[in-house]
N, C-alpha and C. Protein backbone atom coordinates (compact mmCIF):
# COMPACT_ATOMS: atom_id res chain seq x y z
N UNK A 1 -6.41 2.72 33.90
CA UNK A 1 -6.77 1.24 33.50
C UNK A 1 -6.95 1.66 31.80
N UNK A 2 -6.79 0.46 30.94
CA UNK A 2 -6.61 0.69 29.67
C UNK A 2 -8.03 -0.19 29.05
N UNK A 3 -8.97 0.40 28.26
CA UNK A 3 -10.07 -0.39 27.57
C UNK A 3 -9.69 -0.92 26.12
N UNK A 4 -10.09 -1.75 25.77
CA UNK A 4 -9.91 -2.82 24.58
C UNK A 4 -11.15 -3.01 24.01
N UNK A 5 -11.17 -2.46 22.43
CA UNK A 5 -12.72 -2.97 21.89
C UNK A 5 -12.31 -3.98 20.91
N UNK A 6 -13.42 -4.98 20.97
CA UNK A 6 -13.23 -5.79 20.01
C UNK A 6 -13.62 -5.66 18.75
N UNK A 7 -13.21 -5.90 17.44
CA UNK A 7 -13.91 -5.77 16.60
C UNK A 7 -14.75 -6.90 15.91
N UNK A 8 -16.03 -6.11 15.65
CA UNK A 8 -17.07 -7.30 15.30
C UNK A 8 -16.91 -8.05 13.88
N UNK A 9 -16.31 -6.92 13.02
CA UNK A 9 -16.22 -7.14 11.52
C UNK A 9 -14.94 -7.19 11.34
N UNK A 10 -14.64 -8.02 10.58
CA UNK A 10 -12.71 -7.98 10.04
C UNK A 10 -12.58 -6.76 9.03
N UNK A 11 -11.29 -6.29 9.06
CA UNK A 11 -10.80 -5.28 8.02
C UNK A 11 -10.92 -5.70 6.59
N UNK A 12 -11.21 -4.62 6.09
CA UNK A 12 -11.19 -5.14 4.47
C UNK A 12 -9.94 -4.65 4.00
N UNK A 13 -9.61 -5.61 2.63
CA UNK A 13 -8.29 -5.27 2.28
C UNK A 13 -7.88 -3.96 1.95
N UNK A 14 -9.10 -2.78 1.56
CA UNK A 14 -8.48 -1.68 1.38
C UNK A 14 -8.43 -0.88 2.79
N UNK A 15 -8.73 -1.12 3.90
CA UNK A 15 -8.68 -0.91 5.05
C UNK A 15 -7.11 -1.25 5.50
N UNK A 16 -6.73 -2.54 5.42
CA UNK A 16 -5.70 -2.87 5.91
C UNK A 16 -4.53 -2.44 5.02
N UNK A 17 -4.65 -2.16 3.59
CA UNK A 17 -3.81 -1.52 3.14
C UNK A 17 -3.45 0.12 3.11
N UNK A 18 -4.64 0.70 3.67
CA UNK A 18 -4.46 2.04 4.06
C UNK A 18 -3.90 2.06 5.35
N UNK A 19 -3.99 1.28 6.56
CA UNK A 19 -3.29 1.17 7.75
C UNK A 19 -1.86 0.87 7.39
N UNK A 20 -1.65 -0.14 6.68
CA UNK A 20 -0.06 -0.85 6.56
C UNK A 20 0.81 0.28 5.89
N UNK A 21 -0.06 1.03 4.79
CA UNK A 21 0.89 2.04 4.19
C UNK A 21 1.35 3.36 5.14
N UNK A 22 0.01 3.69 5.91
CA UNK A 22 0.26 4.61 6.85
C UNK A 22 1.49 4.35 7.85
N UNK A 23 1.85 3.25 8.31
CA UNK A 23 2.56 2.86 9.01
C UNK A 23 4.04 2.51 8.43
N UNK A 24 4.17 2.03 6.89
CA UNK A 24 5.06 1.56 6.69
C UNK A 24 6.61 2.71 6.26
N UNK A 25 5.93 3.59 6.13
CA UNK A 25 6.89 4.88 6.19
C UNK A 25 7.20 5.52 7.24
N UNK A 26 6.91 5.06 8.31
CA UNK A 26 7.17 5.90 9.66
C UNK A 26 8.70 5.58 10.46
N UNK A 27 9.16 4.85 9.82
CA UNK A 27 10.72 4.21 10.29
C UNK A 27 10.47 3.33 11.54
N UNK A 28 11.40 3.46 12.21
CA UNK A 28 11.78 2.30 13.16
C UNK A 28 11.70 2.75 14.66
N UNK A 29 10.94 4.08 14.76
CA UNK A 29 10.48 4.91 16.22
C UNK A 29 9.94 3.85 16.83
N UNK A 30 9.35 4.61 18.41
CA UNK A 30 8.67 3.73 19.30
C UNK A 30 6.88 3.77 18.93
N UNK A 31 6.76 5.24 18.23
CA UNK A 31 5.39 4.95 17.46
C UNK A 31 5.06 4.01 16.67
N UNK A 32 6.20 3.98 15.40
CA UNK A 32 5.81 3.12 14.60
C UNK A 32 5.98 1.48 14.87
N UNK A 33 7.05 1.14 15.90
CA UNK A 33 6.79 -0.22 16.41
C UNK A 33 5.48 -0.58 17.17
N UNK A 34 5.04 0.36 18.00
CA UNK A 34 3.97 -0.10 18.73
C UNK A 34 2.94 -0.22 17.38
N UNK A 35 2.70 0.73 16.34
CA UNK A 35 1.77 0.70 15.57
C UNK A 35 1.67 -0.71 14.50
N UNK A 36 2.87 -1.20 14.35
CA UNK A 36 3.18 -2.22 13.64
C UNK A 36 2.85 -3.48 14.46
N UNK A 37 3.16 -3.62 15.89
CA UNK A 37 2.76 -4.55 16.74
C UNK A 37 1.50 -4.78 16.80
N UNK A 38 0.62 -3.61 17.15
CA UNK A 38 -0.89 -3.57 16.88
C UNK A 38 -1.36 -4.30 15.65
N UNK A 39 -0.85 -3.97 14.31
CA UNK A 39 -1.05 -4.28 13.07
C UNK A 39 -1.02 -5.92 13.29
N UNK A 40 0.43 -6.43 13.76
CA UNK A 40 0.66 -7.95 13.98
C UNK A 40 -0.31 -8.65 14.52
N UNK A 41 -0.81 -7.82 15.64
CA UNK A 41 -2.42 -8.51 16.60
C UNK A 41 -3.36 -8.55 16.08
N UNK A 42 -3.60 -7.67 15.17
CA UNK A 42 -4.92 -7.61 14.56
C UNK A 42 -4.65 -8.70 13.30
N UNK A 43 -3.84 -9.38 12.82
CA UNK A 43 -3.37 -10.09 11.79
C UNK A 43 -3.42 -11.49 12.63
N UNK A 44 -3.06 -11.83 13.75
CA UNK A 44 -3.02 -12.76 14.46
C UNK A 44 -4.89 -13.06 14.79
N UNK A 45 -5.49 -12.11 14.69
CA UNK A 45 -6.84 -12.41 15.43
C UNK A 45 -7.57 -13.03 13.86
N UNK A 46 -7.14 -12.98 12.63
CA UNK A 46 -7.52 -13.44 11.50
C UNK A 46 -7.59 -14.81 11.46
N UNK A 47 -6.57 -15.37 11.91
CA UNK A 47 -6.44 -16.88 11.94
C UNK A 47 -6.50 -17.28 10.51
N UNK A 48 -5.34 -16.82 9.70
CA UNK A 48 -5.06 -17.13 8.30
C UNK A 48 -4.02 -18.13 8.42
N UNK A 49 -4.21 -19.20 7.81
CA UNK A 49 -3.36 -20.07 7.31
C UNK A 49 -3.07 -20.52 5.95
N UNK A 50 -2.26 -19.52 5.59
CA UNK A 50 -1.89 -19.69 4.09
C UNK A 50 -0.46 -18.97 3.86
N UNK A 51 0.46 -19.61 3.22
CA UNK A 51 1.89 -19.33 3.29
C UNK A 51 2.29 -17.92 2.65
N UNK A 52 1.29 -17.92 1.33
CA UNK A 52 1.46 -16.56 0.70
C UNK A 52 0.79 -15.37 1.57
N UNK A 53 -0.10 -15.46 2.16
CA UNK A 53 -0.81 -14.37 2.95
C UNK A 53 0.03 -14.05 4.19
N UNK A 54 0.70 -15.24 4.62
CA UNK A 54 1.80 -15.01 5.95
C UNK A 54 2.92 -14.25 5.38
N UNK A 55 3.50 -14.46 4.44
CA UNK A 55 4.65 -13.60 3.92
C UNK A 55 4.16 -12.44 3.77
N UNK A 56 2.73 -11.99 3.06
CA UNK A 56 2.46 -10.53 2.57
C UNK A 56 2.27 -9.99 4.06
N UNK A 57 2.06 -10.64 5.08
CA UNK A 57 1.77 -10.06 6.37
C UNK A 57 3.02 -9.69 7.09
N UNK A 58 4.21 -10.57 6.87
CA UNK A 58 4.92 -10.12 7.28
C UNK A 58 5.57 -8.76 6.85
N UNK A 59 5.45 -8.62 5.17
CA UNK A 59 5.95 -7.62 4.67
C UNK A 59 5.09 -6.25 5.15
N UNK A 60 4.08 -6.29 5.26
CA UNK A 60 3.01 -5.21 6.03
C UNK A 60 3.44 -4.48 7.30
N UNK A 61 3.93 -5.53 8.17
CA UNK A 61 4.37 -5.13 9.14
C UNK A 61 5.76 -4.85 9.53
N UNK A 62 6.89 -4.58 8.48
CA UNK A 62 8.27 -4.30 8.67
C UNK A 62 8.38 -2.94 7.80
N UNK A 63 9.42 -2.28 8.45
CA UNK A 63 9.32 -0.92 8.15
C UNK A 63 10.46 -0.97 6.49
N UNK A 64 9.88 0.07 5.80
CA UNK A 64 10.70 0.28 4.43
C UNK A 64 11.96 0.81 4.71
N UNK A 65 12.83 0.25 3.61
CA UNK A 65 14.30 1.16 3.28
C UNK A 65 13.65 2.43 3.25
N UNK A 66 14.74 3.48 4.15
CA UNK A 66 14.18 5.05 3.54
C UNK A 66 14.04 5.43 2.30
N UNK A 67 14.90 5.21 1.20
CA UNK A 67 14.51 5.75 -0.05
C UNK A 67 13.22 5.30 -0.60
N UNK A 68 12.79 4.19 -0.16
CA UNK A 68 11.35 3.58 -0.79
C UNK A 68 10.34 4.18 0.50
N UNK A 69 10.63 4.47 1.14
CA UNK A 69 9.75 5.16 2.37
C UNK A 69 9.39 6.62 2.17
N UNK A 70 10.43 7.33 1.47
CA UNK A 70 10.29 8.50 0.93
C UNK A 70 9.58 8.75 -0.11
N UNK A 71 9.27 7.88 -1.15
CA UNK A 71 8.72 7.77 -2.24
C UNK A 71 7.05 7.35 -1.66
N UNK A 72 7.24 6.38 -0.79
CA UNK A 72 5.67 5.92 -0.14
C UNK A 72 5.22 6.94 0.19
N UNK A 73 5.74 7.80 1.17
CA UNK A 73 5.31 9.33 1.45
C UNK A 73 4.25 10.43 0.27
N UNK A 74 5.26 10.14 -0.78
CA UNK A 74 4.79 10.87 -1.57
C UNK A 74 3.30 10.43 -2.33
N UNK A 75 3.54 8.93 -2.57
CA UNK A 75 2.32 8.05 -2.81
C UNK A 75 1.16 8.37 -1.88
N UNK A 76 1.49 8.18 -0.67
CA UNK A 76 0.26 8.35 0.26
C UNK A 76 -0.33 9.77 0.01
N UNK A 77 0.42 10.84 0.24
CA UNK A 77 -0.34 12.24 -0.14
C UNK A 77 -0.85 12.45 -1.42
N UNK A 78 -0.41 11.61 -2.37
CA UNK A 78 -1.20 11.86 -3.69
C UNK A 78 -2.77 11.15 -3.67
N UNK A 79 -2.38 9.92 -2.94
CA UNK A 79 -3.85 9.03 -2.70
C UNK A 79 -4.86 10.03 -1.93
N UNK A 80 -4.21 10.54 -0.79
CA UNK A 80 -4.85 11.26 -0.04
C UNK A 80 -5.73 12.58 -0.44
N UNK A 81 -4.59 13.33 -1.33
CA UNK A 81 -5.11 14.57 -1.69
C UNK A 81 -5.78 14.11 -3.11
N UNK A 82 -6.13 13.31 -3.77
CA UNK A 82 -6.66 12.93 -4.95
C UNK A 82 -5.98 13.61 -6.00
N UNK A 83 -4.66 13.48 -6.00
CA UNK A 83 -4.02 14.09 -7.17
C UNK A 83 -3.18 13.27 -7.89
N UNK A 84 -3.11 13.43 -9.06
CA UNK A 84 -2.04 12.50 -10.17
C UNK A 84 -0.62 12.43 -9.57
N UNK A 85 0.17 11.42 -9.73
CA UNK A 85 1.38 11.10 -9.02
C UNK A 85 2.08 10.64 -10.40
N UNK A 86 3.57 11.47 -10.96
CA UNK A 86 3.98 11.18 -11.51
C UNK A 86 5.44 10.37 -11.26
N UNK A 87 5.37 9.02 -11.88
CA UNK A 87 6.53 8.11 -11.53
C UNK A 87 7.65 8.06 -12.32
N UNK A 88 8.64 7.86 -12.42
CA UNK A 88 9.97 7.41 -12.88
C UNK A 88 9.89 5.90 -12.67
N UNK A 89 9.85 5.09 -13.26
CA UNK A 89 9.31 3.74 -13.15
C UNK A 89 10.37 2.59 -14.24
N UNK A 90 10.67 1.89 -13.52
CA UNK A 90 11.93 0.98 -14.05
C UNK A 90 11.11 -0.45 -14.30
N UNK A 91 10.95 -0.84 -15.55
CA UNK A 91 10.12 -2.15 -15.72
C UNK A 91 11.10 -3.14 -15.71
N UNK A 92 10.30 -4.47 -15.73
CA UNK A 92 11.03 -5.50 -15.58
C UNK A 92 12.34 -5.69 -16.22
N UNK A 93 12.44 -5.05 -17.72
CA UNK A 93 13.56 -4.93 -18.54
C UNK A 93 14.72 -4.11 -18.35
N UNK A 94 14.29 -2.99 -17.51
CA UNK A 94 15.16 -2.30 -17.08
C UNK A 94 15.02 -0.61 -17.85
N UNK A 95 13.93 -0.94 -18.60
CA UNK A 95 13.91 0.61 -19.31
C UNK A 95 12.94 1.46 -18.06
N UNK A 96 13.33 2.87 -18.14
CA UNK A 96 12.67 3.67 -17.10
C UNK A 96 11.87 4.35 -18.33
N UNK A 97 10.69 4.74 -17.51
CA UNK A 97 9.34 5.42 -18.07
C UNK A 97 8.86 6.41 -17.44
N UNK A 98 8.55 7.59 -17.77
CA UNK A 98 7.70 8.53 -16.89
C UNK A 98 6.40 8.45 -17.26
N UNK A 99 5.57 8.16 -16.00
CA UNK A 99 3.93 7.71 -15.94
C UNK A 99 3.28 8.78 -15.14
N UNK A 100 2.11 9.31 -15.68
CA UNK A 100 1.40 9.78 -14.90
C UNK A 100 0.15 8.86 -14.52
N UNK A 101 0.15 8.86 -12.94
CA UNK A 101 -0.87 7.65 -12.44
C UNK A 101 -1.96 8.46 -11.62
N UNK A 102 -3.21 7.90 -11.72
CA UNK A 102 -4.57 8.32 -10.89
C UNK A 102 -4.22 7.28 -10.08
N UNK A 103 -3.58 7.52 -8.87
CA UNK A 103 -3.45 6.49 -7.77
C UNK A 103 -4.87 6.34 -6.84
N UNK A 104 -4.60 4.73 -6.56
CA UNK A 104 -6.18 4.29 -6.08
C UNK A 104 -5.93 3.85 -4.74
N UNK A 105 -4.82 2.95 -4.65
CA UNK A 105 -4.52 2.52 -3.24
C UNK A 105 -3.06 1.56 -3.26
N UNK A 106 -2.73 1.29 -2.10
CA UNK A 106 -1.27 0.58 -2.39
C UNK A 106 -1.94 -0.98 -1.88
N UNK A 107 -0.95 -2.05 -2.11
CA UNK A 107 -1.27 -3.06 -1.57
C UNK A 107 0.00 -4.15 -1.49
N UNK A 108 0.38 -5.02 -0.80
CA UNK A 108 1.41 -6.07 -0.72
C UNK A 108 0.96 -7.17 -1.15
N UNK A 109 1.75 -7.88 -1.96
CA UNK A 109 1.48 -9.27 -2.24
C UNK A 109 3.33 -9.82 -2.03
N UNK A 110 3.14 -10.76 -0.97
CA UNK A 110 4.54 -11.59 -0.80
C UNK A 110 5.43 -10.48 -0.12
N UNK A 111 6.29 -10.28 -0.88
CA UNK A 111 7.67 -9.23 -0.09
C UNK A 111 7.51 -8.09 -0.79
N UNK A 112 6.67 -7.59 -1.77
CA UNK A 112 6.35 -6.32 -2.35
C UNK A 112 5.25 -5.59 -2.07
N UNK A 113 5.77 -4.42 -2.16
CA UNK A 113 4.47 -3.48 -1.95
C UNK A 113 4.45 -2.74 -3.18
N UNK A 114 2.78 -2.58 -3.80
CA UNK A 114 2.65 -1.93 -4.89
C UNK A 114 1.82 -0.81 -4.67
N UNK A 115 2.05 0.03 -5.76
CA UNK A 115 1.02 1.16 -6.05
C UNK A 115 -0.04 0.84 -7.20
N UNK A 116 -1.50 0.60 -7.07
CA UNK A 116 -2.27 0.46 -8.03
C UNK A 116 -3.31 1.39 -7.99
N UNK A 117 -3.16 1.88 -9.26
CA UNK A 117 -3.86 2.70 -10.21
C UNK A 117 -4.08 2.98 -11.62
N UNK A 118 -4.50 3.91 -12.18
CA UNK A 118 -4.94 4.33 -13.59
C UNK A 118 -3.72 4.79 -14.20
N UNK A 119 -2.98 3.82 -14.95
CA UNK A 119 -1.71 4.56 -15.56
C UNK A 119 -2.23 5.45 -16.83
N UNK A 120 -2.39 6.64 -16.93
CA UNK A 120 -2.47 7.37 -18.16
C UNK A 120 -1.74 6.94 -19.33
N UNK A 121 -0.52 6.72 -19.12
CA UNK A 121 0.29 6.50 -20.57
C UNK A 121 -0.40 5.11 -20.97
N UNK A 122 -0.61 3.85 -20.13
CA UNK A 122 -1.33 2.94 -20.89
C UNK A 122 -2.67 2.81 -20.88
N UNK A 123 -3.59 3.83 -19.96
CA UNK A 123 -4.55 3.78 -20.40
C UNK A 123 -5.49 2.46 -19.76
N UNK A 124 -4.95 2.22 -18.54
CA UNK A 124 -5.32 0.80 -17.99
C UNK A 124 -4.72 0.78 -16.69
N UNK A 125 -5.50 0.03 -15.89
CA UNK A 125 -5.24 -0.11 -14.26
C UNK A 125 -3.83 -1.06 -14.27
N UNK A 126 -3.01 -0.45 -13.34
CA UNK A 126 -1.37 -0.96 -13.34
C UNK A 126 -1.25 -1.05 -11.88
N UNK A 127 -0.27 -1.98 -11.67
CA UNK A 127 0.17 -2.30 -10.08
C UNK A 127 1.84 -1.83 -10.55
N UNK A 128 2.48 -0.80 -9.82
CA UNK A 128 3.83 -0.42 -9.96
C UNK A 128 4.25 -0.98 -8.47
N UNK A 129 5.70 -1.83 -8.73
CA UNK A 129 6.12 -2.12 -7.52
C UNK A 129 6.86 -1.16 -7.22
N UNK A 130 7.21 -0.73 -5.82
CA UNK A 130 7.33 0.47 -4.94
C UNK A 130 9.32 0.15 -5.36
N UNK A 131 9.64 -0.86 -5.09
CA UNK A 131 11.23 -1.10 -5.54
C UNK A 131 11.49 -0.64 -7.02
N UNK A 132 10.69 -0.99 -7.51
CA UNK A 132 11.45 -0.31 -9.13
C UNK A 132 10.62 1.26 -9.53
N UNK A 133 10.00 1.93 -8.33
CA UNK A 133 9.69 3.21 -8.64
C UNK A 133 10.93 3.96 -8.09
N UNK A 134 11.73 4.49 -9.06
CA UNK A 134 13.08 5.41 -9.14
C UNK A 134 12.80 6.55 -8.43
N UNK A 135 11.72 7.54 -9.04
CA UNK A 135 11.45 8.63 -8.25
C UNK A 135 10.01 9.12 -8.41
N UNK A 136 9.37 10.02 -7.61
CA UNK A 136 7.89 9.98 -7.62
C UNK A 136 8.18 11.76 -7.69
N UNK A 137 7.25 12.22 -8.30
CA UNK A 137 6.90 13.95 -8.12
C UNK A 137 5.37 13.99 -7.83
N UNK A 138 5.26 14.91 -7.08
CA UNK A 138 3.61 15.42 -6.52
C UNK A 138 3.21 16.26 -8.21
N UNK A 139 1.95 16.03 -8.17
CA UNK A 139 1.85 17.01 -9.41
C UNK A 139 0.51 17.63 -8.82
N UNK A 140 -0.18 18.80 -9.29
CA UNK A 140 -1.20 19.40 -9.19
C UNK A 140 -2.59 19.15 -9.77
N UNK A 141 -2.43 18.21 -10.68
CA UNK A 141 -3.58 17.46 -11.74
C UNK A 141 -4.36 16.69 -10.71
N UNK A 142 -5.70 17.18 -10.68
CA UNK A 142 -6.78 16.01 -10.07
C UNK A 142 -6.72 14.81 -10.91
N UNK A 143 -6.48 13.77 -9.85
CA UNK A 143 -7.09 12.27 -10.12
C UNK A 143 -8.51 12.12 -10.55
N UNK A 144 -8.63 11.03 -11.73
CA UNK A 144 -10.12 10.94 -11.70
C UNK A 144 -10.69 9.91 -10.48
N UNK A 145 -11.36 9.98 -9.91
CA UNK A 145 -11.78 9.20 -8.80
C UNK A 145 -12.06 7.70 -9.17
N UNK A 146 -11.54 6.75 -8.28
CA UNK A 146 -11.68 5.15 -8.68
C UNK A 146 -11.93 4.60 -7.66
N UNK A 147 -12.70 3.68 -7.18
CA UNK A 147 -13.08 3.20 -5.93
C UNK A 147 -11.86 2.14 -5.90
N UNK A 148 -11.42 1.88 -4.48
CA UNK A 148 -10.17 0.59 -4.60
C UNK A 148 -10.69 -0.71 -4.71
N UNK A 149 -11.85 -0.76 -4.04
CA UNK A 149 -12.34 -2.14 -4.15
C UNK A 149 -12.70 -2.87 -5.69
N UNK A 150 -12.46 -1.78 -6.55
CA UNK A 150 -12.31 -2.52 -7.85
C UNK A 150 -11.20 -3.07 -8.53
N UNK A 151 -10.26 -2.56 -7.61
CA UNK A 151 -8.42 -2.46 -7.91
C UNK A 151 -7.95 -3.73 -6.99
N UNK A 152 -8.40 -4.24 -6.15
CA UNK A 152 -7.79 -5.19 -5.11
C UNK A 152 -8.23 -6.75 -5.39
N UNK A 153 -7.33 -7.55 -5.46
CA UNK A 153 -7.69 -8.60 -5.56
C UNK A 153 -8.00 -9.45 -4.18
N UNK A 154 -9.07 -10.35 -4.16
CA UNK A 154 -9.48 -10.75 -3.21
C UNK A 154 -10.63 -9.98 -2.39
N UNK A 155 -10.69 -8.84 -2.77
CA UNK A 155 -11.69 -8.18 -2.21
C UNK A 155 -12.99 -8.46 -1.97
N UNK A 156 -13.29 -8.67 -0.53
CA UNK A 156 -14.78 -8.94 -0.06
C UNK A 156 -14.77 -10.44 0.18
N UNK A 157 -13.38 -11.41 0.18
CA UNK A 157 -13.58 -12.46 0.47
C UNK A 157 -13.08 -12.59 1.85
N UNK A 158 -13.70 -13.44 2.69
CA UNK A 158 -13.06 -13.38 4.37
C UNK A 158 -12.31 -14.70 4.34
N UNK A 159 -11.09 -14.34 5.66
CA UNK A 159 -10.29 -15.64 5.98
C UNK A 159 -11.19 -16.33 6.36
N UNK A 160 -10.95 -17.97 6.10
CA UNK A 160 -11.55 -18.80 6.92
C UNK A 160 -11.21 -19.41 8.31
């Protein structure tokens, strides 16, 4: 017999981002498919009626292409380890820069994944689109601690 526990409080944006990132780079095996199905069910319970949010939730529950998934693993490890990550990043005009980033969290907006963190080159909070990250390198430099709640839009707001 299977027991199911009902959530009494909705997941926070930071919790959703962490769960989705953990699943995003799993590929398409049976465990990954079951995990994505569970996340889809959790979203269905939230009763969200917004096209942008619906598109975002679709992205959260789809597997990433293999090269992006490899970079996502490096990013997730940096977040978990509290270490700076070095990104080779192609900006919107096509220029590639190398940036050291204190990774804070990841988020999805519509069809894109983003790494959110403190860019040491710009000395500011930045969001780096995964599909524009050309390469990632782990470092052994400790990242400065930052709370995810200060970096995520809509944090603390509940779905109607």
